[in-house]
Amino acid sequence: MMSDRLPIHFLPTFIVAARLENLRAAAQQVHLTHGAVSQQIQQLEQAIGCPLFERSGRGVRLNAAGRELLAVAEPALSALQQGVNRVRRIATSQVLRISVLPSFAHYWLLPRLAEFHHISSGIALDIDASLAVQDLARKGFDAAIRMGDGVWSGVQAQRIATGEVVPVATPELALQWQGAFSGMVDAPVPLLEHDAMPWRAWFQAQGDTGGGQQVALFNDAGLLIRAAEQGFGVALVKTVLAGDSIAAGRLVPLAPAQHLGNNDIYLVWPHATGLTPAVETLLHWLQQQLG
């Protein structure tokens, strides 16, 4: 008779018996009696509603149903064991789960992870890089790094960096188009644009109607910076994201940085949990690094 409840705790015994196709040998391996192993297999078959072995005398041989169950159960139990091992590691260490924009993770956070680990070796960062604004409390995040006006429901926010933006290009393109940004040349500059920071805001701040020709539009600042580094055009990017590329000489500013709109960078954490010691450690480190 088939049961709605599968006795999952019998699956490890079934897997051993299925591999060996010998119940006595399986009993020795799982440290049970032959009768106990036989009973577990029978109860598992009753719960599933079909035989899993062909029985011949004292021997057993896995049938088609048994082979199918083995193919499903073995990787499932292996994945479960790996998950339990991860849970145990988390329980013995302090894990800080944060949501971060991919561009910030790639161009600012990753190059500095070793330094954070050095000053806070007891905290392991679990980083989820996503463009989506996560519901921190519901999704189990301890904190997030967001860009905006600092006002989001359900969280507390602390500004950690300004949202200044700067036009950048490769050194070769910078030589070619520097005049256009200093007002000396009127030319169709190839512009790389981010959908959250359009060039028109920059040109309006300069009192300009907006010159240039858009050659690509991106929804991710990391891709925007990468395209600029490849010499595809002039990009308008946040100084905090382009800082390392500028310092390394891969990109060159074509004009002074400017603050356009309410688009600063914040560390946020759920109201429900408040500022935990681990989040406070991260906040102080970010403030120190970003100045």
Foldseek 3Di string as FASTA:
>chain_A
DAAPDAPLVLVVLLLLCQVVQALCVSCVVVVHHSVVSVVSQVVNCNHHVHHQWDDDPRTTHGDPVVVVCNVVSVVVVVVVVVVVVVVVVCVVAAEAEEEEAPLCCPQPVVVCVVVLCVVCVRYHYRYDHDPDDDPCVVVVHFKYKFWFQQDDPQKHKDFQAAQWKFKKAAPVVLVVCLCVVVVNDQDAFAEEEEPVDGCCLVCVVVVHNDHHDYPYYDPGVNVSVVCRLVRVGIYIGGCSRCVVVVVVRSMDTSDDIDHGHRTTMIMMGGPVVPCDPVNVSVSVVSNVVND
